[in-house]
Protein backbone atom coordinates (compact mmCIF):
# COMPACT_ATOMS: atom_id res chain seq x y z
CA UNK A 1 19.82 26.62 39.15
CA UNK A 2 21.97 24.04 37.26
CA UNK A 3 25.67 24.12 38.01
CA UNK A 4 27.10 25.28 34.71
CA UNK A 5 24.82 28.26 33.96
CA UNK A 6 25.64 29.54 37.48
CA UNK A 7 29.37 29.36 36.72
CA UNK A 8 28.77 31.19 33.47
CA UNK A 9 26.84 33.93 35.23
CA UNK A 10 29.55 34.32 37.86
CA UNK A 11 32.16 34.65 35.14
CA UNK A 12 29.97 37.21 33.41
CA UNK A 13 29.63 39.22 36.63
CA UNK A 14 33.39 39.21 37.09
CA UNK A 15 33.90 40.82 33.68
CA UNK A 16 31.58 43.71 34.46
CA UNK A 17 28.11 44.16 33.03
CA UNK A 18 29.18 47.10 30.87
CA UNK A 19 32.39 45.66 29.51
CA UNK A 20 33.25 47.06 26.07
CA UNK A 21 36.03 44.65 25.18
CA UNK A 22 34.37 42.08 22.93
CA UNK A 23 37.52 40.15 22.11
CA UNK A 24 36.59 36.48 22.20
CA UNK A 25 38.62 34.11 24.39
CA UNK A 26 40.23 32.46 21.35
CA UNK A 27 41.16 35.84 19.87
CA UNK A 28 42.62 36.96 23.20
CA UNK A 29 44.81 33.84 23.19
CA UNK A 30 45.82 34.50 19.56
CA UNK A 31 44.03 31.24 18.75
CA UNK A 32 46.55 29.20 20.70
CA UNK A 33 43.68 27.96 22.90
CA UNK A 34 39.92 27.59 22.74
CA UNK A 35 37.72 28.43 25.76
CA UNK A 36 36.19 25.82 28.05
CA UNK A 37 32.43 25.54 28.25
CA UNK A 38 32.03 27.86 31.25
CA UNK A 39 33.98 30.64 29.52
CA UNK A 40 32.06 30.03 26.30
CA UNK A 41 28.75 30.45 28.11
CA UNK A 42 30.06 33.50 29.96
CA UNK A 43 30.83 35.22 26.67
CA UNK A 44 27.43 34.31 25.25
CA UNK A 45 25.73 35.61 28.41
CA UNK A 46 27.53 38.91 27.90
CA UNK A 47 26.25 39.08 24.32
CA UNK A 48 22.70 38.36 25.43
CA UNK A 49 22.90 41.05 28.12
CA UNK A 50 24.26 43.61 25.66
CA UNK A 51 21.84 42.81 22.82
CA UNK A 52 18.69 41.22 24.30
CA UNK A 53 16.70 42.04 21.17
CA UNK A 54 19.08 40.10 18.97
CA UNK A 55 20.46 37.25 21.10
CA UNK A 56 18.69 34.76 23.34
CA UNK A 57 20.22 31.75 25.12
CA UNK A 58 18.19 28.67 25.93
CA UNK A 59 18.92 25.22 27.36
CA UNK A 60 17.60 22.39 25.21
CA UNK A 61 18.94 19.32 27.00
CA UNK A 62 21.25 17.87 29.62
CA UNK A 63 24.30 15.71 28.96
CA UNK A 64 24.95 12.35 30.67
CA UNK A 65 27.39 14.12 33.00
CA UNK A 66 24.80 16.75 33.93
CA UNK A 67 25.89 19.72 31.84
CA UNK A 68 23.33 21.94 30.09
CA UNK A 69 23.15 21.93 26.32
CA UNK A 70 22.94 25.56 25.23
CA UNK A 71 21.48 26.93 22.02
CA UNK A 72 21.65 30.55 20.87
CA UNK A 73 18.77 32.10 18.96
CA UNK A 74 19.83 35.12 16.89
CA UNK A 75 17.50 37.44 14.98
CA UNK A 76 17.53 40.98 13.75
CA UNK A 77 14.20 41.82 15.36
CA UNK A 78 13.73 39.51 18.32
CA UNK A 79 12.13 36.62 16.43
CA UNK A 80 13.06 34.06 19.05
CA UNK A 81 10.49 31.27 18.76
CA UNK A 82 9.58 28.77 16.03
CA UNK A 83 6.03 30.12 15.90
CA UNK A 84 7.28 33.68 15.48
CA UNK A 85 9.68 32.63 12.72
CA UNK A 86 6.90 30.84 10.84
CA UNK A 87 4.51 33.75 11.29
CA UNK A 88 7.13 36.15 9.92
CA UNK A 89 7.95 33.81 7.01
CA UNK A 90 11.59 33.71 8.00
CA UNK A 91 13.71 30.66 7.13
CA UNK A 92 15.48 29.03 10.06
CA UNK A 93 19.16 28.15 9.72
CA UNK A 94 20.63 25.69 12.21
CA UNK A 95 24.41 25.97 12.58
CA UNK A 96 26.02 23.46 14.90
CA UNK A 97 29.59 23.15 16.15
CA UNK A 98 31.41 20.65 18.28
CA UNK A 99 29.49 17.48 17.51
CA UNK A 100 33.10 16.28 17.38
CA UNK A 101 34.44 18.70 19.98
CA UNK A 102 38.08 18.29 19.05
CA UNK A 103 36.99 19.92 15.79
CA UNK A 104 35.89 23.15 17.41
CA UNK A 105 36.42 25.95 14.87
CA UNK A 106 32.66 26.43 14.56
CA UNK A 107 32.39 27.42 18.22
CA UNK A 108 35.02 30.17 18.07
CA UNK A 109 33.86 31.33 14.65
CA UNK A 110 30.30 31.50 15.99
CA UNK A 111 31.26 33.64 18.98
CA UNK A 112 33.01 36.07 16.66
CA UNK A 113 30.13 36.20 14.17
CA UNK A 114 27.48 36.68 16.85
CA UNK A 115 29.51 39.54 18.29
CA UNK A 116 29.94 41.18 14.89
CA UNK A 117 26.22 40.86 14.24
CA UNK A 118 24.84 41.82 17.65
CA UNK A 119 27.19 44.42 19.16
CA UNK A 120 30.08 45.34 16.86
CA UNK A 121 27.94 46.65 14.01
CA UNK A 122 29.86 44.79 11.31
CA UNK A 123 26.85 42.85 9.98
CA UNK A 124 23.83 44.51 11.66
CA UNK A 125 21.41 43.34 8.93
CA UNK A 126 22.68 39.79 8.56
CA UNK A 127 19.52 38.31 10.09
CA UNK A 128 16.81 40.76 9.05
CA UNK A 129 14.93 38.06 7.12
CA UNK A 130 16.16 34.82 8.68
CA UNK A 131 16.61 33.29 12.12
CA UNK A 132 19.83 31.62 13.26
CA UNK A 133 19.67 28.71 15.69
CA UNK A 134 23.26 28.13 16.79
CA UNK A 135 24.66 25.31 18.91
CA UNK A 136 28.14 26.38 20.03
CA UNK A 137 29.01 22.94 21.44
CA UNK A 138 26.87 19.90 20.64
CA UNK A 139 28.93 17.28 22.50
CA UNK A 140 29.48 19.20 25.72
CA UNK A 141 30.88 16.32 27.81
CA UNK A 142 33.34 15.47 25.06
CA UNK A 143 34.30 19.15 24.85
CA UNK A 144 35.18 19.22 28.54
CA UNK A 145 37.28 16.04 28.31
CA UNK A 146 39.98 18.17 26.74
CA UNK A 147 43.56 17.06 26.14
CA UNK A 148 46.53 18.00 23.95
CA UNK A 149 46.49 14.37 22.79
CA UNK A 150 42.92 13.95 21.58
CA UNK A 151 43.65 14.52 17.87
CA UNK A 152 47.06 13.35 16.70
CA UNK A 153 46.42 14.52 13.12
CA UNK A 154 45.56 18.13 13.97
CA UNK A 155 47.52 21.40 14.20
CA UNK A 156 46.15 23.09 17.34
CA UNK A 157 44.65 24.42 19.46
CA UNK A 158 46.84 23.45 22.40
CA UNK A 159 44.12 21.32 23.97
CA UNK A 160 40.93 20.04 22.38
CA UNK A 161 37.88 17.93 23.12
CA UNK A 162 37.33 14.19 22.71
CA UNK A 163 35.54 12.74 19.66
CA UNK A 164 33.02 10.70 21.66
CA UNK A 165 30.60 11.91 24.30
CA UNK A 166 30.88 10.62 27.87
CA UNK A 167 29.24 7.29 26.99
CA UNK A 168 31.80 6.83 24.19
CA UNK A 169 29.23 7.37 21.46
CA UNK A 170 30.01 9.30 18.30
CA UNK A 171 27.07 11.66 17.95
CA UNK A 172 27.64 11.99 14.22
CA UNK A 173 26.74 8.31 13.80
CA UNK A 174 23.65 8.55 16.02
CA UNK A 175 21.02 10.53 14.13
CA UNK A 176 18.80 7.58 13.24
CA UNK A 177 19.39 5.17 16.14
CA UNK A 178 19.29 8.07 18.65
CA UNK A 179 21.01 6.24 21.51
CA UNK A 180 22.62 9.26 23.17
CA UNK A 181 20.73 11.68 25.45
CA UNK A 182 22.34 14.54 23.51
CA UNK A 183 20.84 13.26 20.25
CA UNK A 184 17.41 12.84 21.82
CA UNK A 185 17.63 16.49 22.91
CA UNK A 186 18.78 17.57 19.45
CA UNK A 187 15.89 15.76 17.80
CA UNK A 188 13.41 17.64 20.01
CA UNK A 189 15.12 20.91 19.07
CA UNK A 190 14.94 19.93 15.40
CA UNK A 191 11.25 19.08 15.62
CA UNK A 192 10.45 22.34 17.42
CA UNK A 193 12.27 24.59 14.96
CA UNK A 194 12.19 22.39 11.83
CA UNK A 195 15.13 24.27 10.31
CA UNK A 196 15.17 25.02 6.61
CA UNK A 197 18.95 24.62 6.30
CA UNK A 198 21.58 22.86 8.40
CA UNK A 199 25.29 23.71 8.62
CA UNK A 200 27.53 21.27 10.49
CA UNK A 201 31.11 22.41 11.20
CA UNK A 202 33.96 19.87 11.38
CA UNK A 203 37.71 19.50 10.82
CA UNK A 204 39.23 16.97 8.43
CA UNK A 205 41.52 14.06 8.91
CA UNK A 206 43.26 12.52 5.92
CA UNK A 207 45.48 13.98 3.22
CA UNK A 208 47.40 17.24 3.02
CA UNK A 209 46.52 19.79 0.33
CA UNK A 210 46.35 23.53 -0.26
CA UNK A 211 42.69 24.10 0.65
CA UNK A 212 41.88 25.59 4.02
CA UNK A 213 38.33 24.25 3.82
CA UNK A 214 36.38 21.52 2.03
CA UNK A 215 32.61 21.18 1.89
CA UNK A 216 30.01 18.54 1.18
CA UNK A 217 26.35 18.52 0.21
CA UNK A 218 24.25 15.40 -0.30
CA UNK A 219 24.05 13.96 -3.81
CA UNK A 220 21.04 15.30 -5.77
CA UNK A 221 19.59 11.79 -5.99
CA UNK A 222 19.07 11.87 -2.21
CA UNK A 223 17.03 15.08 -2.33
CA UNK A 224 13.79 16.33 -3.78
CA UNK A 225 14.72 18.04 -7.09
CA UNK A 226 13.63 21.44 -5.77
CA UNK A 227 16.06 21.10 -2.85
CA UNK A 228 18.87 19.93 -5.10
CA UNK A 229 18.31 22.97 -7.30
CA UNK A 230 18.32 25.39 -4.36
CA UNK A 231 21.44 23.76 -2.94
CA UNK A 232 23.25 24.10 -6.27
CA UNK A 233 22.35 27.78 -6.58
CA UNK A 234 23.61 28.39 -3.05
CA UNK A 235 27.03 26.84 -3.61
CA UNK A 236 27.36 28.33 -7.10
CA UNK A 237 26.90 31.79 -5.59
CA UNK A 238 28.59 31.51 -2.21
CA UNK A 239 31.72 29.50 -2.98
CA UNK A 240 33.16 31.98 -5.55
CA UNK A 241 32.45 34.82 -3.09
CA UNK A 242 34.22 32.79 -0.42
CA UNK A 243 37.32 32.38 -2.56
CA UNK A 244 37.32 36.13 -3.24
CA UNK A 245 37.85 36.64 0.49
CA UNK A 246 41.25 35.04 0.13
CA UNK A 247 40.31 31.45 0.88
CA UNK A 248 40.86 28.33 -1.13
CA UNK A 249 38.02 25.82 -0.92
CA UNK A 250 37.22 22.48 -2.49
CA UNK A 251 34.46 19.95 -2.61
CA UNK A 252 34.93 17.20 0.00
CA UNK A 253 38.04 15.15 -0.72
CA UNK A 254 37.69 11.45 0.02
CA UNK A 255 40.60 9.79 -1.78
CA UNK A 256 40.11 6.34 -3.23
CA UNK A 257 43.65 5.53 -2.12
CA UNK A 258 45.22 7.54 0.69
CA UNK A 259 48.66 6.51 -0.51
CA UNK A 260 48.05 7.68 -4.08
CA UNK A 261 45.92 10.85 -4.46
CA UNK A 262 46.19 10.66 -8.25
CA UNK A 263 43.77 7.72 -8.27
CA UNK A 264 41.00 10.22 -7.64
CA UNK A 265 38.26 11.00 -5.15
CA UNK A 266 34.99 9.26 -4.34
CA UNK A 267 31.87 9.87 -2.29
CA UNK A 268 32.62 9.28 1.39
CA UNK A 269 29.36 7.38 1.84
CA UNK A 270 27.24 9.74 3.87
CA UNK A 271 24.02 8.23 5.10
CA UNK A 272 21.21 8.93 7.56
CA UNK A 273 23.45 8.26 10.56
CA UNK A 274 25.29 11.48 9.65
CA UNK A 275 24.01 15.06 9.96
CA UNK A 276 23.68 15.87 6.26
CA UNK A 277 22.15 12.47 5.48
CA UNK A 278 19.56 12.85 8.22
CA UNK A 279 18.68 16.35 7.02
CA UNK A 280 18.10 14.92 3.54
CA UNK A 281 15.61 12.40 4.99
CA UNK A 282 13.86 15.36 6.60
CA UNK A 283 13.62 17.18 3.23
CA UNK A 284 16.21 19.74 4.19
CA UNK A 285 19.42 20.81 2.42
CA UNK A 286 22.56 20.74 4.53
CA UNK A 287 26.19 21.72 4.29
CA UNK A 288 29.09 19.92 5.90
CA UNK A 289 32.09 22.19 6.51
CA UNK A 290 35.51 20.58 7.00
CA UNK A 291 38.32 22.98 7.80
CA UNK A 292 41.72 21.50 7.05
CA UNK A 293 43.42 19.99 10.09
CA UNK A 294 46.97 21.14 9.24
CA UNK A 295 46.20 24.80 8.67
CA UNK A 296 46.82 27.07 11.71
CA UNK A 297 43.84 27.24 14.04
CA UNK A 298 43.37 30.97 13.36
CA UNK A 299 43.09 30.25 9.63
CA UNK A 300 40.59 27.47 10.25
CA UNK A 301 38.40 29.63 12.47
CA UNK A 302 38.39 32.46 9.93
CA UNK A 303 37.59 29.97 7.17
CA UNK A 304 34.50 28.77 9.05
CA UNK A 305 33.52 32.34 10.00
CA UNK A 306 33.56 33.63 6.43
CA UNK A 307 31.67 30.72 4.94
CA UNK A 308 28.93 30.79 7.58
CA UNK A 309 28.56 34.56 7.21
CA UNK A 310 28.27 34.30 3.43
CA UNK A 311 25.71 31.49 3.72
CA UNK A 312 23.58 33.54 6.11
CA UNK A 313 23.89 36.60 3.91
CA UNK A 314 22.69 34.64 0.87
CA UNK A 315 19.72 33.18 2.72
CA UNK A 316 18.80 36.53 4.28
CA UNK A 317 18.77 38.06 0.79
CA UNK A 318 16.62 35.26 -0.69
CA UNK A 319 14.42 33.97 2.14
CA UNK A 320 11.39 33.11 0.04
CA UNK A 321 13.33 30.79 -2.26
CA UNK A 322 14.49 28.57 0.61
CA UNK A 323 11.07 28.52 2.25
CA UNK A 324 9.43 27.61 -1.06
CA UNK A 325 11.93 24.80 -1.66
CA UNK A 326 11.46 23.13 1.73
CA UNK A 327 7.68 23.54 1.59
CA UNK A 328 7.57 21.96 -1.88
CA UNK A 329 9.76 19.05 -0.78
CA UNK A 330 7.51 18.39 2.20
CA UNK A 331 4.40 18.55 0.03
CA UNK A 332 5.93 16.17 -2.51
CA UNK A 333 6.67 13.63 0.22
CA UNK A 334 3.11 13.78 1.54
CA UNK A 335 1.67 13.47 -1.97
CA UNK A 336 3.87 10.45 -2.74
CA UNK A 337 1.80 8.41 -0.28
CA UNK A 338 -1.00 8.41 -2.86
CA UNK A 339 1.21 7.26 -5.76
CA UNK A 340 1.12 3.48 -6.06
CA UNK A 341 4.06 3.60 -8.48
CA UNK A 342 6.37 5.65 -6.30
CA UNK A 343 9.91 4.41 -5.83
CA UNK A 344 12.21 5.37 -2.97
CA UNK A 345 15.91 4.43 -3.03
CA UNK A 346 17.28 2.75 0.09
CA UNK A 347 20.87 2.42 -1.07
CA UNK A 348 23.12 4.16 -3.57
CA UNK A 349 26.00 3.04 -5.76
CA UNK A 350 28.85 4.99 -7.37
CA UNK A 351 28.12 6.55 -10.72
CA UNK A 352 30.43 4.69 -13.15
CA UNK A 353 31.14 7.96 -14.97
CA UNK A 354 33.77 10.24 -13.48
CA UNK A 355 34.47 13.90 -14.15
CA UNK A 356 37.88 15.59 -14.21
CA UNK A 357 39.01 17.51 -11.14
CA UNK A 358 41.99 19.82 -10.66
CA UNK A 359 43.33 18.99 -7.21
CA UNK A 360 45.42 21.75 -5.66
CA UNK A 361 47.68 19.56 -3.60
CA UNK A 362 51.34 19.27 -2.74
CA UNK A 363 54.17 17.27 -4.16
CA UNK A 364 54.61 14.02 -2.29
CA UNK A 365 56.87 11.02 -2.06
CA UNK A 366 56.09 7.38 -1.41
CA UNK A 367 58.64 5.24 0.38
CA UNK A 368 58.44 1.70 1.59
CA UNK A 369 58.28 1.73 5.37
CA UNK A 370 60.47 -0.67 7.32
CA UNK A 371 58.05 -0.20 10.26
CA UNK A 372 54.66 -0.90 8.68
CA UNK A 373 55.82 -2.66 5.55
CA UNK A 374 53.42 -0.41 3.60
CA UNK A 375 53.93 2.74 1.58
CA UNK A 376 54.52 5.90 3.63
CA UNK A 377 53.25 9.07 1.97
CA UNK A 378 54.98 12.33 2.84
CA UNK A 379 53.80 15.70 1.53
CA UNK A 380 55.97 18.74 0.87
CA UNK A 381 53.91 21.80 1.95
CA UNK A 382 56.50 24.05 0.32
CA UNK A 383 55.85 22.53 -3.11
CA UNK A 384 52.26 23.20 -4.20
CA UNK A 385 51.23 21.20 -7.22
CA UNK A 386 48.02 20.77 -9.21
CA UNK A 387 47.01 17.24 -10.18
CA UNK A 388 44.36 16.35 -12.75
CA UNK A 389 42.46 13.50 -11.12
CA UNK A 390 39.14 11.72 -11.67
CA UNK A 391 36.19 12.68 -9.50
CA UNK A 392 33.94 9.70 -8.70
CA UNK A 393 31.70 11.57 -6.25
CA UNK A 394 28.45 11.00 -8.13
CA UNK A 395 25.91 8.49 -6.83
CA UNK A 396 23.02 6.62 -8.42
CA UNK A 397 20.04 4.93 -6.75
CA UNK A 398 20.61 1.23 -6.20
CA UNK A 399 18.11 -0.78 -4.16
CA UNK A 400 14.68 0.87 -4.14
CA UNK A 401 11.28 0.05 -2.65
CA UNK A 402 7.70 1.11 -3.22
CA UNK A 403 6.50 2.62 0.06
CA UNK A 404 3.34 1.22 1.61
CA UNK A 405 0.37 3.36 2.52
CA UNK A 406 1.30 2.73 6.16
CA UNK A 407 3.41 0.58 8.43
CA UNK A 408 2.06 -1.28 11.45
CA UNK A 409 4.15 -1.92 14.55
CA UNK A 410 2.71 -4.36 17.11
CA UNK A 411 2.41 -2.85 20.58
CA UNK A 412 4.96 -5.17 22.15
CA UNK A 413 7.80 -3.78 20.00
CA UNK A 414 8.34 -0.82 22.28
CA UNK A 415 11.93 -0.27 21.10
CA UNK A 416 10.65 0.53 17.62
CA UNK A 417 7.84 2.75 18.90
CA UNK A 418 10.32 4.58 21.14
CA UNK A 419 12.40 5.48 18.09
CA UNK A 420 9.31 6.69 16.24
CA UNK A 421 8.62 8.95 19.21
CA UNK A 422 12.21 10.21 19.28
CA UNK A 423 11.93 11.29 15.64
CA UNK A 424 8.54 12.92 16.10
CA UNK A 425 6.78 10.49 13.77
CA UNK A 426 3.01 10.76 13.62
CA UNK A 427 1.06 7.56 14.24
CA UNK A 428 -2.24 6.29 15.59
CA UNK A 429 -2.65 3.64 18.28
CA UNK A 430 -5.25 0.91 17.95
CA UNK A 431 -7.78 0.93 20.77
CA UNK A 432 -8.73 -2.72 20.32
CA UNK A 433 -7.19 -5.94 19.08
CA UNK A 434 -7.47 -6.30 15.30
CA UNK A 435 -6.73 -9.29 13.04
CA UNK A 436 -5.32 -8.30 9.65
CA UNK A 437 -3.63 -9.86 6.64
CA UNK A 438 -0.81 -7.72 5.30
CA UNK A 439 2.56 -7.83 3.57
CA UNK A 440 5.52 -8.75 5.74
CA UNK A 441 9.08 -9.96 5.43
CA UNK A 442 10.71 -13.26 6.28
CA UNK A 443 14.40 -12.88 7.14
CA UNK A 444 16.81 -15.81 7.17
CA UNK A 445 20.53 -16.60 7.34
CA UNK A 446 21.56 -13.53 9.34
CA UNK A 447 25.25 -12.58 9.50
CA UNK A 448 26.58 -10.10 12.04
CA UNK A 449 29.71 -7.99 12.19
CA UNK A 450 32.51 -9.50 14.24
CA UNK A 451 33.29 -6.39 16.28
CA UNK A 452 31.10 -3.62 17.75
CA UNK A 453 30.41 -0.30 16.09
CA UNK A 454 28.95 2.50 18.20
CA UNK A 455 27.92 0.00 20.84
CA UNK A 456 26.21 -2.39 18.41
CA UNK A 457 27.02 -5.51 16.45
CA UNK A 458 25.63 -4.50 13.08
CA UNK A 459 23.60 -6.99 11.07
CA UNK A 460 25.64 -7.20 7.88
CA UNK A 461 23.69 -9.64 5.73
CA UNK A 462 20.49 -11.65 5.58
CA UNK A 463 18.09 -13.17 3.07
CA UNK A 464 14.75 -11.43 2.62
CA UNK A 465 11.51 -12.76 1.20
CA UNK A 466 8.12 -11.06 0.85
CA UNK A 467 5.33 -12.92 2.64
CA UNK A 468 1.68 -12.42 3.45
CA UNK A 469 0.96 -12.67 7.16
CA UNK A 470 -2.25 -12.87 9.12
CA UNK A 471 -1.68 -11.51 12.61
CA UNK A 472 -3.72 -10.28 15.51
CA UNK A 473 -2.49 -6.87 16.58
CA UNK A 474 -2.89 -6.18 20.31
CA UNK A 475 -4.36 -2.93 21.60
CA UNK A 476 -1.79 -0.16 21.53
CA UNK A 477 -0.26 -1.25 18.23
CA UNK A 478 0.64 1.74 16.10
CA UNK A 479 -0.32 2.54 12.54
CA UNK A 480 2.16 4.87 10.85
CA UNK A 481 0.64 6.57 7.77
CA UNK A 482 3.03 7.65 5.07
CA UNK A 483 1.24 10.88 4.18
CA UNK A 484 3.52 12.85 6.49
CA UNK A 485 6.51 15.04 5.79
CA UNK A 486 8.92 12.78 7.75
CA UNK A 487 7.93 9.65 5.79
CA UNK A 488 11.51 9.13 4.61
CA UNK A 489 12.66 8.82 8.21
CA UNK A 490 10.02 6.12 8.73
CA UNK A 491 11.27 4.20 5.70
CA UNK A 492 14.86 4.33 6.96
CA UNK A 493 13.85 3.09 10.39
CA UNK A 494 11.50 0.31 9.33
CA UNK A 495 12.60 -1.10 5.96
CA UNK A 496 14.97 -3.98 6.82
CA UNK A 497 17.34 -3.33 3.92
CA UNK A 498 17.81 0.36 4.68
CA UNK A 499 21.44 0.83 5.80
CA UNK A 500 20.47 2.46 9.10
CA UNK A 501 17.30 0.53 9.81
CA UNK A 502 16.63 -0.52 13.37
CA UNK A 503 17.07 -4.10 12.20
CA UNK A 504 20.55 -3.42 10.84
CA UNK A 505 21.56 -1.68 14.07
CA UNK A 506 20.67 -4.85 15.96
CA UNK A 507 17.54 -3.77 17.82
CA UNK A 508 15.54 -6.74 16.55
CA UNK A 509 18.13 -9.51 16.88
CA UNK A 510 15.77 -11.53 19.07
CA UNK A 511 13.63 -12.46 16.04
CA UNK A 512 16.47 -14.70 14.84
CA UNK A 513 16.57 -16.76 18.03
CA UNK A 514 14.59 -19.99 18.39
CA UNK A 515 13.32 -20.29 21.95
CA UNK A 516 12.47 -24.01 21.86
CA UNK A 517 14.75 -26.83 20.73
CA UNK A 518 14.55 -30.56 20.22
CA UNK A 519 16.35 -33.23 22.22
CA UNK A 520 18.51 -35.45 19.97
CA UNK A 521 16.62 -38.60 20.97
CA UNK A 522 13.36 -36.94 19.87
CA UNK A 523 14.79 -35.50 16.67
CA UNK A 524 16.09 -38.94 15.65
CA UNK A 525 12.51 -40.19 15.47
CA UNK A 526 11.27 -36.94 13.90
CA UNK A 527 13.80 -37.26 11.07
CA UNK A 528 12.74 -40.79 10.25
CA UNK A 529 9.05 -39.89 10.31
CA UNK A 530 9.66 -36.92 7.99
CA UNK A 531 11.70 -39.00 5.53
CA UNK A 532 8.98 -41.62 5.44
CA UNK A 533 6.32 -39.01 4.64
CA UNK A 534 8.42 -37.02 2.14
CA UNK A 535 10.93 -39.12 0.15
CA UNK A 536 12.17 -35.97 -1.69
CA UNK A 537 13.59 -34.79 1.60
CA UNK A 538 16.18 -37.56 1.41
CA UNK A 539 17.67 -36.07 -1.76
CA UNK A 540 17.88 -32.61 -0.14
CA UNK A 541 19.53 -34.09 2.96
CA UNK A 542 22.02 -36.08 0.89
CA UNK A 543 22.99 -33.02 -1.12
CA UNK A 544 23.61 -31.05 2.06
CA UNK A 545 25.83 -33.85 3.36
CA UNK A 546 27.79 -33.85 0.12
CA UNK A 547 28.16 -30.08 -0.26
CA UNK A 548 28.84 -29.09 3.36
CA UNK A 549 31.56 -31.13 5.13
CA UNK A 550 31.13 -29.14 8.38
CA UNK A 551 27.45 -29.99 8.38
CA UNK A 552 28.17 -33.65 7.66
CA UNK A 553 30.55 -33.80 10.62
CA UNK A 554 28.10 -32.21 13.08
CA UNK A 555 25.59 -34.69 14.46
CA UNK A 556 23.26 -32.15 16.01
CA UNK A 557 23.29 -29.99 12.85
CA UNK A 558 22.16 -33.03 10.88
CA UNK A 559 19.23 -33.55 13.23
CA UNK A 560 18.48 -29.78 13.27
CA UNK A 561 18.11 -29.96 9.48
CA UNK A 562 14.86 -31.81 10.05
CA UNK A 563 13.74 -29.81 13.09
CA UNK A 564 13.95 -26.57 11.06
CA UNK A 565 11.65 -28.03 8.43
CA UNK A 566 9.06 -29.15 10.96
CA UNK A 567 5.96 -27.43 12.39
CA UNK A 568 7.67 -27.35 15.80
CA UNK A 569 10.22 -24.89 14.44
CA UNK A 570 7.89 -22.99 12.12
CA UNK A 571 5.47 -22.08 14.92
CA UNK A 572 8.22 -20.11 16.67
CA UNK A 573 8.26 -17.53 13.88
CA UNK A 574 12.04 -17.32 13.70
CA UNK A 575 13.00 -14.57 11.26
CA UNK A 576 9.47 -13.15 11.05
CA UNK A 577 9.98 -9.40 10.77
CA UNK A 578 7.38 -7.84 13.11
CA UNK A 579 6.65 -4.67 11.13
CA UNK A 580 3.89 -5.03 8.52
CA UNK A 581 3.19 -3.00 5.38
CA UNK A 582 -0.35 -1.89 4.60
CA UNK A 583 -1.73 -0.96 1.22
CA UNK A 584 -4.41 1.72 0.91
CA UNK A 585 -7.24 -0.78 1.41
CA UNK A 586 -5.58 -2.25 4.49
CA UNK A 587 -5.07 1.21 5.93
CA UNK A 588 -8.75 2.06 5.43
CA UNK A 589 -9.67 -1.19 7.18
CA UNK A 590 -7.72 -0.20 10.29
CA UNK A 591 -8.66 3.46 10.38
C-alpha cells in the first residue's frame, strides 16, 4: 500500500470509526491553519466510511515525490463511474483546488461542502442529477512544502503551500505542454470523465478592494455560441444569489495600471496553458474563482463554499441544459471538419470598445517612493469608495486559420506524438512508407526569449510562409483527422502561430539549426561562382553591406550570405516545419 493512504487510514482509525464530530480541521483551528495532506485524506476517508453510497475516493496519479493524487467522486445515488454518469444522463462537474496550493480555500471549502452533502443533511439533494468530481489538492508536493513565507501578499492561513510543484513547474501554465507528471495524470482523469463544467479555485494577488471574491469565464469568442449562452445564464442566475448570501463579488479585476486603478481593467490574457483556456479548447465552460487575498481566511473559505454550492445547485436543477450545450459544441467541432470555409481564431486582441464599470474599491494614495523611485500605492480599507472606471475585458478574434482536413506528423517526431497521446487525440498510424505532396510551413528568422519561462525558452517571433512540400512519410507516421471533438486542442498544439503551440514552447527548436557548414576557404570560391552565375546577387549583397554595419564587419557572416542561398544549405531543410496539412483529397489518399 502506498505510504500516504496508509497514514490517512491510521489517522482515521485513531479518530474512531463512529466519530460524530464532523468539524473539519480548518474549522477546528478557527481557520488559523489548514490541514496537511495526511489529515485531509483522513477526513475524506471518514466521509467515505460514513457515506459509502455518496462518497468514493480514488487515486488518479502519483506526484514526482511519490505522493498519491486523490480525487473524490460525489453523487446522490452512487453514480461513481464515467460510464454510469453517461448512462444516467448526469452532467459531470469537476471542481479542483490547490493547483496553486498556497491558494487553498477550495480544499477546506470542499471538505465542508462534502460533509454537509453526505452526512450533515444540509444539502442532501445537491447531487441528485449531477456528479461531482473533486480534487482537494492538485499540486500535492507543493501543498506539503508549506511555509509561513510562501505568499507574501496573503492574509493567512499561518502556513501555506508553494506555488510550484516539486520540479518547480507551475501547473496552471502546463495544460497544453503537459510537462509535469501531475498534469499527465489530470489529463487522463479529464479524458475518462470528460467533465461538462470545470471550476478552478484560486486566491488573488494584486490590488485591494471590497470584494471577497472575483470570478472569470472565457470570452464568448473563445467558445461555441451554445456554451457562451449557457455560461451567461449560469452567471446571471448564480451571482445575484451569491450576493444575497452576504457576499460581494466582481468579475475578474486585472488593472491596466496597478498604480492607478481608475485607468480601468482589461482581460488578463487567459489562454490554453491555463485551466479555463484549456477547457474552452475542449468545448467546455469553466469558471475561475479568485478569493481575495487580504480577506480573513475564514471569509475566503466561506466565499468559495457558497459559490460552489450555488453552482452545483443550479446545474443539478438544470442538468439537461448543460448536457445539451456540451453535446452541441462537440458536434459543431466535428462538423466543422467538413466546412472548407471554416475559420478558427488562434489569437485574440482587445475589443477597442469599453463598457463602464462601478468598482467597489477603497480610497488610496500615491506617493513617490525613495526606495524604488516609483509610485507607491497605499489603500485605506476603512474608506470604501466606488470608482466609475472603463472595462476593457472584451476580446475579438485576431489571427485566424482555416483548419485542414487532417494533420500529418512524421514518425520520427516522437515529442509531438507524445503530446497527442497525452491529450487523448485520435489518430491513425501509417503501416507503410507513403510519398505525399501537401501544404507545409517554412519558418525563418526565429527569435527566442532571453530568459526561461516554465523551464523553456519560448520562441517569441519568426517569419512564416506557406509552401508545398513533397515528402516521404516513414511507417508509423500519424494522420490526425479533424473530425473529432478535441480538434481545437490539435490546432493549438500543431499550428506554429498558436500561442501555446509546441513550436512556441521550444520543442522543435532543432529545425532552426543547420547541421553542416562551409569552411571559409570553400565559401570564398562559392561566393565568386554564385556572383558570376547571377549578377543580380551582387546588388542584393551590396545592399546588405550598406544597410547592416554589423554584417559588413563580420567576415564569416558575409560568406554565410552566399552559403544560405546555395543548394548546400537548402538541402538541410532549415526552418522546414515537419507537420503537414492535408486537404480532404489528401486525406482520402492516405486513408
